[in-house]
């Protein structure tokens, strides 16, 4: 499997990249980010793009891949709706079109718990995330999945962690026991992404419960 990963200088993207590098099923990775990650590996290539909106449709450097794991994104805190829409909706859809969507590629989008598929809720970020999911699913990819992750335990060796992470990481064992419906590990998330990129599933929106279910029979040696 040859995959594209975006946002590899962020927590989720870096974690997905590290886990893909551990999995022999992933034979080639193209990291597409605004900055160059500090990870070097023989199966990894980098494509630095300062502004994804500058990409041309059907970019030749993005062709020939089996899946795209779209992990780029920003927090909506302190952002206007127009600015958040530009980064979250406009940029994501433009990038997806630059891939030349077709039946040979799966697209997996990290959205987040609380995403609003109706696009009519009170929370601005949830409406925009919902619209992004909905419109990605209209593109002619082999399949599109929206991953509504919750609390994610980072992988060993991750460096791109938000400052608050070290203050809440001690809560993860409690969350895992008390609120299993919002907790997963980076290994489980990535293993599920890899599995779904190669297989079918009856739902396009993937919740934490689906991640737990799928990770029970995904590619080894992923931690269950």
N, C-alpha and C. Protein backbone atom coordinates (compact mmCIF):
# COMPACT_ATOMS: atom_id res chain seq x y z
N UNK A 1 0.83 -1.19 0.00
CA UNK A 1 0.00 0.00 0.00
C UNK A 1 0.88 1.25 0.00
N UNK A 2 0.56 2.18 -0.88
CA UNK A 2 1.26 3.47 -0.95
C UNK A 2 0.30 4.54 -0.45
N UNK A 3 0.75 5.33 0.54
CA UNK A 3 -0.16 6.29 1.16
C UNK A 3 0.43 7.70 1.18
N UNK A 4 -0.47 8.67 1.15
CA UNK A 4 -0.15 10.07 1.37
C UNK A 4 -0.65 10.44 2.77
N UNK A 5 0.17 11.15 3.52
CA UNK A 5 -0.25 11.63 4.85
C UNK A 5 -0.02 13.13 4.90
N UNK A 6 -1.05 13.88 5.28
CA UNK A 6 -0.89 15.32 5.46
C UNK A 6 -0.83 15.65 6.94
N UNK A 7 -0.29 16.83 7.24
CA UNK A 7 -0.26 17.29 8.62
C UNK A 7 0.72 16.55 9.50
N UNK A 8 1.84 16.10 8.95
CA UNK A 8 2.77 15.28 9.72
C UNK A 8 3.61 16.09 10.71
N UNK A 9 3.45 17.41 10.73
CA UNK A 9 4.11 18.21 11.77
C UNK A 9 3.15 18.51 12.91
N UNK A 10 1.97 17.90 12.89
CA UNK A 10 1.01 18.00 13.99
C UNK A 10 0.94 16.69 14.74
N UNK A 11 0.24 16.68 15.86
CA UNK A 11 0.20 15.49 16.71
C UNK A 11 -0.38 14.27 16.00
N UNK A 12 -1.56 14.41 15.41
CA UNK A 12 -2.20 13.26 14.79
C UNK A 12 -1.42 12.80 13.56
N UNK A 13 -1.03 13.74 12.72
CA UNK A 13 -0.30 13.38 11.51
C UNK A 13 1.03 12.72 11.81
N UNK A 14 1.75 13.24 12.80
CA UNK A 14 3.03 12.63 13.17
C UNK A 14 2.81 11.22 13.69
N UNK A 15 1.79 11.05 14.54
CA UNK A 15 1.52 9.72 15.07
C UNK A 15 1.15 8.73 13.99
N UNK A 16 0.30 9.16 13.06
CA UNK A 16 -0.09 8.28 11.95
C UNK A 16 1.13 7.92 11.11
N UNK A 17 1.98 8.90 10.86
CA UNK A 17 3.20 8.63 10.08
C UNK A 17 4.08 7.60 10.78
N UNK A 18 4.34 7.78 12.06
CA UNK A 18 5.20 6.84 12.78
C UNK A 18 4.62 5.44 12.79
N UNK A 19 3.31 5.33 12.96
CA UNK A 19 2.69 4.00 12.97
C UNK A 19 2.69 3.36 11.59
N UNK A 20 2.52 4.16 10.54
CA UNK A 20 2.60 3.61 9.18
C UNK A 20 4.00 3.10 8.87
N UNK A 21 5.02 3.78 9.39
CA UNK A 21 6.39 3.33 9.16
C UNK A 21 6.68 2.00 9.85
N UNK A 22 5.92 1.68 10.89
CA UNK A 22 6.10 0.41 11.59
C UNK A 22 5.39 -0.74 10.89
N UNK A 23 4.50 -0.43 9.97
CA UNK A 23 3.65 -1.46 9.38
C UNK A 23 4.19 -1.86 8.00
N UNK A 24 4.59 -3.12 7.83
CA UNK A 24 5.15 -3.56 6.54
C UNK A 24 4.15 -3.53 5.39
N UNK A 25 2.84 -3.43 5.71
CA UNK A 25 1.85 -3.34 4.64
C UNK A 25 1.93 -2.01 3.91
N UNK A 26 2.50 -1.00 4.55
CA UNK A 26 2.66 0.33 3.94
C UNK A 26 4.06 0.39 3.35
N UNK A 27 4.14 0.33 2.04
CA UNK A 27 5.45 0.22 1.38
C UNK A 27 6.05 1.55 0.98
N UNK A 28 5.22 2.58 0.89
CA UNK A 28 5.71 3.90 0.47
C UNK A 28 4.82 4.97 1.07
N UNK A 29 5.44 6.03 1.61
CA UNK A 29 4.70 7.12 2.22
C UNK A 29 5.17 8.45 1.65
N UNK A 30 4.22 9.29 1.29
CA UNK A 30 4.53 10.66 0.90
C UNK A 30 3.93 11.58 1.96
N UNK A 31 4.78 12.30 2.66
CA UNK A 31 4.33 13.27 3.65
C UNK A 31 4.16 14.61 2.94
N UNK A 32 2.96 15.17 3.02
CA UNK A 32 2.69 16.49 2.43
C UNK A 32 2.34 17.43 3.57
N UNK A 33 3.23 18.39 3.83
CA UNK A 33 3.04 19.32 4.94
C UNK A 33 3.58 20.69 4.57
N UNK A 34 3.21 21.67 5.37
CA UNK A 34 3.67 23.03 5.15
C UNK A 34 5.11 23.22 5.60
N UNK A 35 5.57 22.35 6.49
CA UNK A 35 6.95 22.38 6.96
C UNK A 35 7.54 20.98 6.85
N UNK A 36 8.86 20.91 6.81
CA UNK A 36 9.53 19.63 6.66
C UNK A 36 9.60 18.91 8.01
N UNK A 37 9.01 17.72 8.11
CA UNK A 37 9.12 16.96 9.36
C UNK A 37 10.57 16.51 9.58
N UNK A 38 10.91 16.23 10.83
CA UNK A 38 12.28 15.81 11.14
C UNK A 38 12.39 14.30 11.22
N UNK A 39 11.65 13.61 10.37
CA UNK A 39 11.68 12.14 10.32
C UNK A 39 12.28 11.70 9.00
N UNK A 40 13.28 10.83 9.05
CA UNK A 40 13.93 10.32 7.86
C UNK A 40 13.77 8.80 7.85
N UNK A 41 13.36 8.27 6.71
CA UNK A 41 13.16 6.83 6.59
C UNK A 41 13.21 6.46 5.12
N UNK A 42 13.76 5.29 4.77
CA UNK A 42 13.86 4.92 3.35
C UNK A 42 12.52 4.77 2.63
N UNK A 43 11.44 4.54 3.37
CA UNK A 43 10.13 4.41 2.73
C UNK A 43 9.35 5.73 2.72
N UNK A 44 10.01 6.81 3.15
CA UNK A 44 9.33 8.10 3.31
C UNK A 44 9.91 9.17 2.39
N UNK A 45 9.02 9.87 1.68
CA UNK A 45 9.40 11.04 0.90
C UNK A 45 8.61 12.24 1.39
N UNK A 46 9.15 13.43 1.16
CA UNK A 46 8.52 14.65 1.63
C UNK A 46 8.14 15.56 0.46
N UNK A 47 7.02 16.21 0.60
CA UNK A 47 6.55 17.21 -0.37
C UNK A 47 6.10 18.41 0.45
N UNK A 48 6.91 19.46 0.47
CA UNK A 48 6.60 20.65 1.25
C UNK A 48 5.76 21.59 0.40
N UNK A 49 4.56 21.89 0.90
CA UNK A 49 3.63 22.78 0.20
C UNK A 49 3.19 23.84 1.21
N UNK A 50 3.62 25.08 1.00
CA UNK A 50 3.33 26.15 1.96
C UNK A 50 1.83 26.42 2.07
N UNK A 51 1.12 26.32 0.96
CA UNK A 51 -0.32 26.59 0.95
C UNK A 51 -0.97 25.54 0.07
N UNK A 52 -1.76 24.66 0.67
CA UNK A 52 -2.41 23.60 -0.11
C UNK A 52 -3.31 24.16 -1.20
N UNK A 53 -3.81 25.37 -1.02
CA UNK A 53 -4.67 25.98 -2.03
C UNK A 53 -3.89 26.35 -3.30
N UNK A 54 -2.57 26.30 -3.23
CA UNK A 54 -1.76 26.60 -4.41
C UNK A 54 -1.56 25.38 -5.30
N UNK A 55 -1.96 24.20 -4.83
CA UNK A 55 -1.80 22.98 -5.62
C UNK A 55 -2.71 23.01 -6.85
N UNK A 56 -2.21 22.49 -7.94
CA UNK A 56 -3.02 22.34 -9.15
C UNK A 56 -3.82 21.05 -9.06
N UNK A 57 -4.99 21.05 -9.65
CA UNK A 57 -5.76 19.81 -9.69
C UNK A 57 -4.98 18.77 -10.47
N UNK A 58 -5.07 17.54 -10.02
CA UNK A 58 -4.35 16.42 -10.63
C UNK A 58 -2.83 16.62 -10.56
N UNK A 59 -2.34 17.09 -9.44
CA UNK A 59 -0.90 17.29 -9.24
C UNK A 59 -0.18 15.97 -9.49
N UNK A 60 0.80 15.93 -10.41
CA UNK A 60 1.46 14.66 -10.75
C UNK A 60 2.23 14.05 -9.58
N UNK A 61 2.67 14.86 -8.63
CA UNK A 61 3.42 14.32 -7.49
C UNK A 61 2.50 13.59 -6.51
N UNK A 62 1.19 13.76 -6.69
CA UNK A 62 0.23 13.12 -5.79
C UNK A 62 -0.46 11.92 -6.44
N UNK A 63 0.00 11.51 -7.58
CA UNK A 63 -0.65 10.41 -8.29
C UNK A 63 0.03 9.08 -7.97
N UNK A 64 -0.72 8.00 -8.17
CA UNK A 64 -0.17 6.66 -8.00
C UNK A 64 -0.25 6.11 -6.59
N UNK A 65 -1.08 6.72 -5.74
CA UNK A 65 -1.19 6.27 -4.35
C UNK A 65 -2.52 5.56 -4.12
N UNK A 66 -2.52 4.69 -3.12
CA UNK A 66 -3.71 3.89 -2.81
C UNK A 66 -4.63 4.59 -1.82
N UNK A 67 -4.07 5.47 -1.00
CA UNK A 67 -4.88 6.12 0.03
C UNK A 67 -4.26 7.44 0.44
N UNK A 68 -5.13 8.33 0.92
CA UNK A 68 -4.69 9.58 1.53
C UNK A 68 -5.24 9.63 2.94
N UNK A 69 -4.36 9.84 3.91
CA UNK A 69 -4.76 10.01 5.30
C UNK A 69 -4.63 11.51 5.61
N UNK A 70 -5.75 12.21 5.57
CA UNK A 70 -5.73 13.67 5.71
C UNK A 70 -5.82 14.03 7.19
N UNK A 71 -4.68 14.42 7.77
CA UNK A 71 -4.59 14.71 9.20
C UNK A 71 -4.32 16.18 9.48
N UNK A 72 -4.23 17.01 8.45
CA UNK A 72 -3.97 18.43 8.65
C UNK A 72 -5.20 19.11 9.22
N UNK A 73 -4.98 20.14 10.02
CA UNK A 73 -6.11 20.86 10.59
C UNK A 73 -5.66 21.81 11.68
N UNK A 74 -6.57 22.68 12.10
CA UNK A 74 -6.27 23.65 13.16
C UNK A 74 -7.43 23.69 14.14
N UNK A 75 -7.17 24.23 15.31
CA UNK A 75 -8.22 24.48 16.28
C UNK A 75 -9.01 25.71 15.87
N UNK A 76 -10.28 25.71 16.18
CA UNK A 76 -11.13 26.87 15.85
C UNK A 76 -11.05 27.97 16.90
N UNK A 77 -10.34 27.73 18.00
CA UNK A 77 -10.28 28.70 19.10
C UNK A 77 -9.69 30.01 18.61
N UNK A 78 -10.44 31.09 18.78
CA UNK A 78 -9.97 32.42 18.41
C UNK A 78 -10.05 32.73 16.93
N UNK A 79 -10.63 31.84 16.13
CA UNK A 79 -10.71 32.06 14.69
C UNK A 79 -12.10 32.50 14.27
N UNK A 80 -12.16 33.34 13.25
CA UNK A 80 -13.45 33.70 12.67
C UNK A 80 -13.97 32.53 11.86
N UNK A 81 -15.28 32.52 11.60
CA UNK A 81 -15.85 31.45 10.81
C UNK A 81 -15.26 31.42 9.41
N UNK A 82 -15.02 32.61 8.82
CA UNK A 82 -14.48 32.67 7.46
C UNK A 82 -13.07 32.07 7.40
N UNK A 83 -12.24 32.41 8.39
CA UNK A 83 -10.87 31.89 8.40
C UNK A 83 -10.85 30.39 8.66
N UNK A 84 -11.69 29.94 9.57
CA UNK A 84 -11.73 28.51 9.87
C UNK A 84 -12.25 27.72 8.68
N UNK A 85 -13.24 28.26 7.99
CA UNK A 85 -13.76 27.59 6.80
C UNK A 85 -12.68 27.49 5.72
N UNK A 86 -11.91 28.54 5.55
CA UNK A 86 -10.86 28.53 4.52
C UNK A 86 -9.85 27.42 4.78
N UNK A 87 -9.44 27.27 6.04
CA UNK A 87 -8.43 26.28 6.37
C UNK A 87 -9.01 24.87 6.42
N UNK A 88 -10.21 24.75 6.97
CA UNK A 88 -10.78 23.43 7.20
C UNK A 88 -11.55 22.89 6.00
N UNK A 89 -12.38 23.69 5.41
CA UNK A 89 -13.21 23.22 4.30
C UNK A 89 -12.54 23.47 2.94
N UNK A 90 -12.24 24.72 2.64
CA UNK A 90 -11.70 25.06 1.32
C UNK A 90 -10.40 24.33 1.04
N UNK A 91 -9.49 24.34 2.00
CA UNK A 91 -8.18 23.72 1.80
C UNK A 91 -8.29 22.21 1.65
N UNK A 92 -9.11 21.58 2.47
CA UNK A 92 -9.25 20.13 2.41
C UNK A 92 -9.86 19.68 1.08
N UNK A 93 -10.93 20.36 0.65
CA UNK A 93 -11.56 19.98 -0.62
C UNK A 93 -10.63 20.24 -1.80
N UNK A 94 -9.89 21.33 -1.74
CA UNK A 94 -8.95 21.62 -2.83
C UNK A 94 -7.86 20.55 -2.89
N UNK A 95 -7.35 20.15 -1.74
CA UNK A 95 -6.33 19.11 -1.71
C UNK A 95 -6.88 17.80 -2.26
N UNK A 96 -8.09 17.47 -1.87
CA UNK A 96 -8.70 16.22 -2.35
C UNK A 96 -8.82 16.22 -3.87
N UNK A 97 -9.19 17.35 -4.44
CA UNK A 97 -9.31 17.42 -5.90
C UNK A 97 -7.95 17.36 -6.58
N UNK A 98 -6.91 17.85 -5.90
CA UNK A 98 -5.56 17.78 -6.46
C UNK A 98 -5.07 16.34 -6.58
N UNK A 99 -5.72 15.43 -5.85
CA UNK A 99 -5.35 14.01 -5.90
C UNK A 99 -5.89 13.30 -7.13
N UNK A 100 -6.71 14.00 -7.93
CA UNK A 100 -7.39 13.37 -9.06
C UNK A 100 -8.23 12.20 -8.55
N UNK A 101 -9.30 12.49 -7.80
CA UNK A 101 -10.11 11.44 -7.18
C UNK A 101 -10.58 10.40 -8.19
N UNK A 102 -10.43 9.14 -7.83
CA UNK A 102 -10.84 8.06 -8.70
C UNK A 102 -11.02 6.78 -7.91
N UNK A 103 -11.45 5.72 -8.56
CA UNK A 103 -11.76 4.46 -7.87
C UNK A 103 -10.53 3.72 -7.35
N UNK A 104 -9.34 4.22 -7.63
CA UNK A 104 -8.15 3.55 -7.15
C UNK A 104 -7.65 4.06 -5.81
N UNK A 105 -8.29 5.09 -5.25
CA UNK A 105 -7.79 5.70 -4.01
C UNK A 105 -8.89 5.84 -2.96
N UNK A 106 -8.53 5.54 -1.71
CA UNK A 106 -9.40 5.79 -0.56
C UNK A 106 -8.93 7.08 0.11
N UNK A 107 -9.88 7.83 0.66
CA UNK A 107 -9.57 9.09 1.34
C UNK A 107 -10.12 9.01 2.75
N UNK A 108 -9.24 9.20 3.72
CA UNK A 108 -9.64 9.16 5.13
C UNK A 108 -9.35 10.52 5.76
N UNK A 109 -10.40 11.12 6.31
CA UNK A 109 -10.34 12.48 6.84
C UNK A 109 -10.50 12.45 8.35
N UNK A 110 -9.53 13.02 9.06
CA UNK A 110 -9.63 13.14 10.51
C UNK A 110 -10.50 14.36 10.81
N UNK A 111 -11.72 14.10 11.30
CA UNK A 111 -12.61 15.21 11.62
C UNK A 111 -12.66 15.43 13.12
N UNK A 112 -13.30 14.56 13.86
CA UNK A 112 -13.32 14.70 15.31
C UNK A 112 -14.70 14.45 15.88
N UNK A 113 -14.74 14.02 17.13
CA UNK A 113 -16.01 13.81 17.81
C UNK A 113 -16.79 15.11 17.89
N UNK A 114 -18.09 15.04 17.68
CA UNK A 114 -18.92 16.23 17.72
C UNK A 114 -19.18 16.85 16.37
N UNK A 115 -18.54 16.33 15.33
CA UNK A 115 -18.77 16.84 13.98
C UNK A 115 -20.26 16.74 13.63
N UNK A 116 -20.77 17.79 13.00
CA UNK A 116 -22.21 17.92 12.75
C UNK A 116 -22.54 17.65 11.28
N UNK A 117 -23.05 16.45 11.02
CA UNK A 117 -23.38 16.07 9.64
C UNK A 117 -24.54 16.87 9.06
N UNK A 118 -25.38 17.43 9.93
CA UNK A 118 -26.53 18.21 9.43
C UNK A 118 -26.11 19.57 8.92
N UNK A 119 -24.93 20.05 9.36
CA UNK A 119 -24.39 21.37 8.99
C UNK A 119 -25.27 22.51 9.53
N UNK A 120 -26.11 22.23 10.52
CA UNK A 120 -27.06 23.23 11.01
C UNK A 120 -26.95 23.51 12.50
N UNK A 121 -26.01 22.89 13.17
CA UNK A 121 -25.90 23.04 14.61
C UNK A 121 -25.37 24.40 15.04
N UNK A 122 -25.30 24.62 16.34
CA UNK A 122 -24.88 25.91 16.88
C UNK A 122 -23.37 26.09 16.87
N UNK A 123 -22.62 24.98 16.88
CA UNK A 123 -21.16 25.08 16.97
C UNK A 123 -20.56 25.25 15.58
N UNK A 124 -19.88 26.37 15.39
CA UNK A 124 -19.33 26.71 14.08
C UNK A 124 -18.39 25.64 13.54
N UNK A 125 -17.45 25.21 14.39
CA UNK A 125 -16.46 24.25 13.92
C UNK A 125 -17.10 22.92 13.52
N UNK A 126 -18.14 22.52 14.27
CA UNK A 126 -18.80 21.25 14.00
C UNK A 126 -19.56 21.29 12.68
N UNK A 127 -20.20 22.45 12.38
CA UNK A 127 -20.90 22.60 11.10
C UNK A 127 -19.93 22.51 9.94
N UNK A 128 -18.80 23.20 10.06
CA UNK A 128 -17.83 23.22 8.97
C UNK A 128 -17.17 21.86 8.78
N UNK A 129 -16.86 21.20 9.88
CA UNK A 129 -16.32 19.84 9.77
C UNK A 129 -17.34 18.91 9.11
N UNK A 130 -18.62 19.07 9.48
CA UNK A 130 -19.66 18.24 8.89
C UNK A 130 -19.79 18.48 7.40
N UNK A 131 -19.74 19.74 7.00
CA UNK A 131 -19.81 20.06 5.57
C UNK A 131 -18.61 19.48 4.83
N UNK A 132 -17.45 19.54 5.47
CA UNK A 132 -16.25 18.98 4.84
C UNK A 132 -16.40 17.49 4.63
N UNK A 133 -16.83 16.78 5.66
CA UNK A 133 -17.08 15.34 5.51
C UNK A 133 -18.08 15.06 4.39
N UNK A 134 -19.20 15.77 4.43
CA UNK A 134 -20.27 15.52 3.45
C UNK A 134 -19.80 15.72 2.02
N UNK A 135 -19.06 16.80 1.78
CA UNK A 135 -18.65 17.10 0.40
C UNK A 135 -17.48 16.24 -0.05
N UNK A 136 -16.63 15.80 0.86
CA UNK A 136 -15.60 14.83 0.49
C UNK A 136 -16.24 13.53 0.01
N UNK A 137 -17.33 13.15 0.64
CA UNK A 137 -17.99 11.89 0.29
C UNK A 137 -18.70 11.95 -1.05
N UNK A 138 -18.82 13.15 -1.63
CA UNK A 138 -19.41 13.29 -2.95
C UNK A 138 -18.37 13.14 -4.07
N UNK A 139 -17.09 13.18 -3.71
CA UNK A 139 -16.03 13.06 -4.70
C UNK A 139 -15.87 11.59 -5.12
N UNK A 140 -15.40 11.35 -6.35
CA UNK A 140 -15.38 9.97 -6.87
C UNK A 140 -14.20 9.11 -6.43
N UNK A 141 -13.86 9.18 -5.14
CA UNK A 141 -12.87 8.27 -4.61
C UNK A 141 -13.45 6.86 -4.51
N UNK A 142 -12.59 5.89 -4.32
CA UNK A 142 -13.05 4.51 -4.08
C UNK A 142 -13.97 4.48 -2.87
N UNK A 143 -13.55 5.19 -1.83
CA UNK A 143 -14.36 5.33 -0.63
C UNK A 143 -13.79 6.48 0.20
N UNK A 144 -14.64 7.11 0.99
CA UNK A 144 -14.23 8.20 1.88
C UNK A 144 -14.75 7.89 3.27
N UNK A 145 -13.88 8.07 4.28
CA UNK A 145 -14.27 7.88 5.66
C UNK A 145 -13.95 9.13 6.46
N UNK A 146 -14.88 9.52 7.33
CA UNK A 146 -14.64 10.59 8.28
C UNK A 146 -14.37 9.97 9.65
N UNK A 147 -13.20 10.24 10.21
CA UNK A 147 -12.81 9.65 11.49
C UNK A 147 -13.10 10.63 12.61
N UNK A 148 -14.07 10.28 13.45
CA UNK A 148 -14.45 11.15 14.56
C UNK A 148 -13.79 10.67 15.84
N UNK A 149 -12.51 10.97 15.92
CA UNK A 149 -11.70 10.52 17.05
C UNK A 149 -11.98 11.38 18.29
N UNK A 150 -11.60 10.87 19.45
CA UNK A 150 -11.75 11.60 20.70
C UNK A 150 -10.39 11.81 21.34
N UNK A 151 -10.22 11.32 22.58
CA UNK A 151 -8.91 11.34 23.22
C UNK A 151 -8.04 10.26 22.59
N UNK A 152 -6.86 10.66 22.11
CA UNK A 152 -5.96 9.72 21.47
C UNK A 152 -4.63 9.71 22.23
N UNK A 153 -4.23 8.52 22.67
CA UNK A 153 -2.94 8.36 23.33
C UNK A 153 -1.83 8.35 22.28
N UNK A 154 -0.86 9.21 22.44
CA UNK A 154 0.22 9.33 21.46
C UNK A 154 1.08 8.07 21.42
N UNK A 155 1.76 7.90 20.30
CA UNK A 155 2.68 6.78 20.15
C UNK A 155 4.02 7.11 20.79
N UNK A 156 4.74 6.06 21.12
CA UNK A 156 6.08 6.25 21.68
C UNK A 156 6.96 6.96 20.66
N UNK A 157 7.70 7.95 21.11
CA UNK A 157 8.61 8.66 20.23
C UNK A 157 8.04 9.91 19.59
N UNK A 158 6.74 10.19 19.83
CA UNK A 158 6.15 11.40 19.25
C UNK A 158 6.73 12.65 19.90
N UNK A 159 6.99 13.65 19.07
CA UNK A 159 7.54 14.92 19.54
C UNK A 159 6.57 16.07 19.35
N UNK A 160 5.70 15.96 18.37
CA UNK A 160 4.79 17.06 18.04
C UNK A 160 3.52 16.97 18.88
N UNK A 161 3.68 17.23 20.16
CA UNK A 161 2.54 17.16 21.07
C UNK A 161 2.19 18.56 21.56
N UNK A 162 0.90 18.87 21.67
CA UNK A 162 0.51 20.18 22.19
C UNK A 162 0.97 20.34 23.63
N UNK A 163 1.17 21.58 24.04
CA UNK A 163 1.71 21.85 25.37
C UNK A 163 0.84 21.26 26.47
N UNK A 164 -0.47 21.27 26.27
CA UNK A 164 -1.36 20.78 27.33
C UNK A 164 -1.33 19.26 27.48
N UNK A 165 -0.76 18.57 26.48
CA UNK A 165 -0.82 17.10 26.48
C UNK A 165 -0.16 16.51 27.72
N UNK A 166 0.97 17.06 28.13
CA UNK A 166 1.67 16.50 29.28
C UNK A 166 0.89 16.70 30.58
N UNK A 167 -0.03 17.66 30.58
CA UNK A 167 -0.82 17.91 31.78
C UNK A 167 -2.06 17.01 31.86
N UNK A 168 -2.47 16.46 30.72
CA UNK A 168 -3.67 15.60 30.74
C UNK A 168 -3.35 14.13 30.50
N UNK A 169 -2.11 13.82 30.13
CA UNK A 169 -1.79 12.43 29.78
C UNK A 169 -2.02 11.48 30.95
N UNK A 170 -1.90 11.97 32.17
CA UNK A 170 -2.11 11.11 33.33
C UNK A 170 -3.57 10.66 33.44
N UNK A 171 -4.46 11.39 32.73
CA UNK A 171 -5.88 11.04 32.77
C UNK A 171 -6.23 9.87 31.87
N UNK A 172 -5.37 9.54 30.93
CA UNK A 172 -5.71 8.53 29.93
C UNK A 172 -6.11 7.18 30.51
N UNK A 173 -5.39 6.65 31.53
CA UNK A 173 -5.85 5.37 32.11
C UNK A 173 -7.26 5.46 32.68
N UNK A 174 -7.59 6.61 33.28
CA UNK A 174 -8.94 6.79 33.82
C UNK A 174 -9.97 6.88 32.70
N UNK A 175 -9.64 7.66 31.66
CA UNK A 175 -10.57 7.81 30.54
C UNK A 175 -10.80 6.47 29.86
N UNK A 176 -9.75 5.68 29.74
CA UNK A 176 -9.87 4.38 29.08
C UNK A 176 -10.86 3.48 29.81
N UNK A 177 -10.87 3.57 31.15
CA UNK A 177 -11.76 2.73 31.95
C UNK A 177 -13.16 3.33 32.06
N UNK A 178 -13.23 4.63 32.34
CA UNK A 178 -14.51 5.26 32.62
C UNK A 178 -15.26 5.72 31.37
N UNK A 179 -14.51 6.12 30.34
CA UNK A 179 -15.13 6.64 29.11
C UNK A 179 -14.50 5.98 27.88
N UNK A 180 -14.63 4.67 27.75
CA UNK A 180 -13.98 3.98 26.62
C UNK A 180 -14.49 4.43 25.27
N UNK A 181 -15.66 5.04 25.22
CA UNK A 181 -16.21 5.47 23.94
C UNK A 181 -15.55 6.69 23.34
N UNK A 182 -14.62 7.32 24.09
CA UNK A 182 -13.92 8.47 23.53
C UNK A 182 -12.40 8.27 23.54
N UNK A 183 -11.94 7.08 23.93
CA UNK A 183 -10.51 6.83 24.07
C UNK A 183 -10.01 5.81 23.06
N UNK A 184 -8.87 6.11 22.45
CA UNK A 184 -8.18 5.13 21.61
C UNK A 184 -6.70 5.48 21.57
N UNK A 185 -5.91 4.56 21.12
CA UNK A 185 -4.47 4.82 20.98
C UNK A 185 -4.17 5.18 19.53
N UNK A 186 -3.03 5.82 19.34
CA UNK A 186 -2.62 6.16 17.98
C UNK A 186 -2.44 4.90 17.14
N UNK A 187 -1.99 3.82 17.77
CA UNK A 187 -1.84 2.56 17.05
C UNK A 187 -3.18 2.04 16.57
N UNK A 188 -4.19 2.14 17.41
CA UNK A 188 -5.53 1.69 17.01
C UNK A 188 -6.08 2.56 15.87
N UNK A 189 -5.93 3.86 16.00
CA UNK A 189 -6.44 4.77 14.97
C UNK A 189 -5.77 4.50 13.63
N UNK A 190 -4.45 4.41 13.64
CA UNK A 190 -3.72 4.19 12.39
C UNK A 190 -3.99 2.82 11.81
N UNK A 191 -4.02 1.81 12.66
CA UNK A 191 -4.32 0.47 12.18
C UNK A 191 -5.67 0.39 11.51
N UNK A 192 -6.65 1.10 12.07
CA UNK A 192 -7.98 1.14 11.48
C UNK A 192 -7.97 1.88 10.14
N UNK A 193 -7.22 2.95 10.06
CA UNK A 193 -7.10 3.69 8.80
C UNK A 193 -6.52 2.80 7.70
N UNK A 194 -5.47 2.09 8.04
CA UNK A 194 -4.83 1.20 7.07
C UNK A 194 -5.79 0.10 6.64
N UNK A 195 -6.48 -0.47 7.61
CA UNK A 195 -7.43 -1.54 7.29
C UNK A 195 -8.53 -1.05 6.35
N UNK A 196 -9.12 0.11 6.67
CA UNK A 196 -10.23 0.62 5.88
C UNK A 196 -9.79 1.08 4.49
N UNK A 197 -8.54 1.50 4.37
CA UNK A 197 -8.04 1.91 3.06
C UNK A 197 -8.02 0.75 2.08
N UNK A 198 -7.94 -0.46 2.61
CA UNK A 198 -7.86 -1.64 1.75
C UNK A 198 -9.12 -2.49 1.76
N UNK A 199 -10.05 -2.18 2.64
CA UNK A 199 -11.25 -3.01 2.80
C UNK A 199 -12.50 -2.14 2.84
N UNK A 200 -13.64 -2.76 2.75
CA UNK A 200 -14.90 -2.04 2.83
C UNK A 200 -15.44 -2.03 4.26
N UNK A 201 -16.42 -1.17 4.50
CA UNK A 201 -17.06 -1.08 5.80
C UNK A 201 -18.45 -0.50 5.57
N UNK A 202 -19.45 -0.91 6.34
CA UNK A 202 -20.82 -0.47 6.06
C UNK A 202 -21.10 0.99 6.39
N UNK A 203 -20.20 1.67 7.10
CA UNK A 203 -20.43 3.07 7.47
C UNK A 203 -19.28 3.95 7.01
N UNK A 204 -19.61 5.16 6.58
CA UNK A 204 -18.59 6.11 6.14
C UNK A 204 -18.08 6.97 7.29
N UNK A 205 -18.88 7.15 8.31
CA UNK A 205 -18.45 7.88 9.50
C UNK A 205 -17.96 6.88 10.53
N UNK A 206 -16.72 7.05 10.96
CA UNK A 206 -16.09 6.10 11.86
C UNK A 206 -15.96 6.73 13.25
N UNK A 207 -16.61 6.08 14.22
CA UNK A 207 -16.55 6.54 15.61
C UNK A 207 -15.52 5.72 16.38
N UNK A 208 -15.25 6.14 17.60
CA UNK A 208 -14.28 5.42 18.42
C UNK A 208 -14.69 3.96 18.59
N UNK A 209 -15.98 3.69 18.73
CA UNK A 209 -16.44 2.31 18.88
C UNK A 209 -16.09 1.48 17.65
N UNK A 210 -16.12 2.11 16.46
CA UNK A 210 -15.72 1.39 15.25
C UNK A 210 -14.23 1.12 15.24
N UNK A 211 -13.46 2.10 15.72
CA UNK A 211 -12.01 1.91 15.81
C UNK A 211 -11.68 0.73 16.71
N UNK A 212 -12.36 0.64 17.84
CA UNK A 212 -12.14 -0.49 18.74
C UNK A 212 -12.51 -1.81 18.07
N UNK A 213 -13.62 -1.81 17.37
CA UNK A 213 -14.08 -3.04 16.71
C UNK A 213 -13.12 -3.47 15.61
N UNK A 214 -12.75 -2.53 14.74
CA UNK A 214 -11.90 -2.86 13.60
C UNK A 214 -10.48 -3.22 14.04
N UNK A 215 -9.99 -2.55 15.08
CA UNK A 215 -8.61 -2.82 15.52
C UNK A 215 -8.43 -4.21 16.08
N UNK A 216 -9.54 -4.91 16.33
CA UNK A 216 -9.43 -6.29 16.80
C UNK A 216 -9.01 -7.25 15.70
N UNK A 217 -9.25 -6.84 14.44
CA UNK A 217 -8.86 -7.75 13.35
C UNK A 217 -8.07 -7.03 12.26
N UNK A 218 -7.44 -5.90 12.62
CA UNK A 218 -6.63 -5.21 11.61
C UNK A 218 -5.23 -5.82 11.52
N UNK A 219 -4.40 -5.18 10.70
CA UNK A 219 -3.06 -5.71 10.46
C UNK A 219 -2.24 -5.80 11.75
N UNK A 220 -1.67 -6.97 12.02
CA UNK A 220 -0.71 -7.08 13.09
C UNK A 220 0.58 -6.40 12.57
N UNK A 221 1.48 -5.95 13.45
CA UNK A 221 1.53 -6.19 14.89
C UNK A 221 0.90 -5.07 15.70
N UNK A 222 -0.21 -4.53 15.32
CA UNK A 222 -0.80 -3.41 16.03
C UNK A 222 -1.33 -3.83 17.38
N UNK A 223 -1.12 -2.93 18.33
CA UNK A 223 -1.55 -3.16 19.71
C UNK A 223 -3.06 -3.11 19.79
N UNK A 224 -3.65 -4.04 20.43
CA UNK A 224 -5.12 -4.09 20.55
C UNK A 224 -5.56 -3.31 21.78
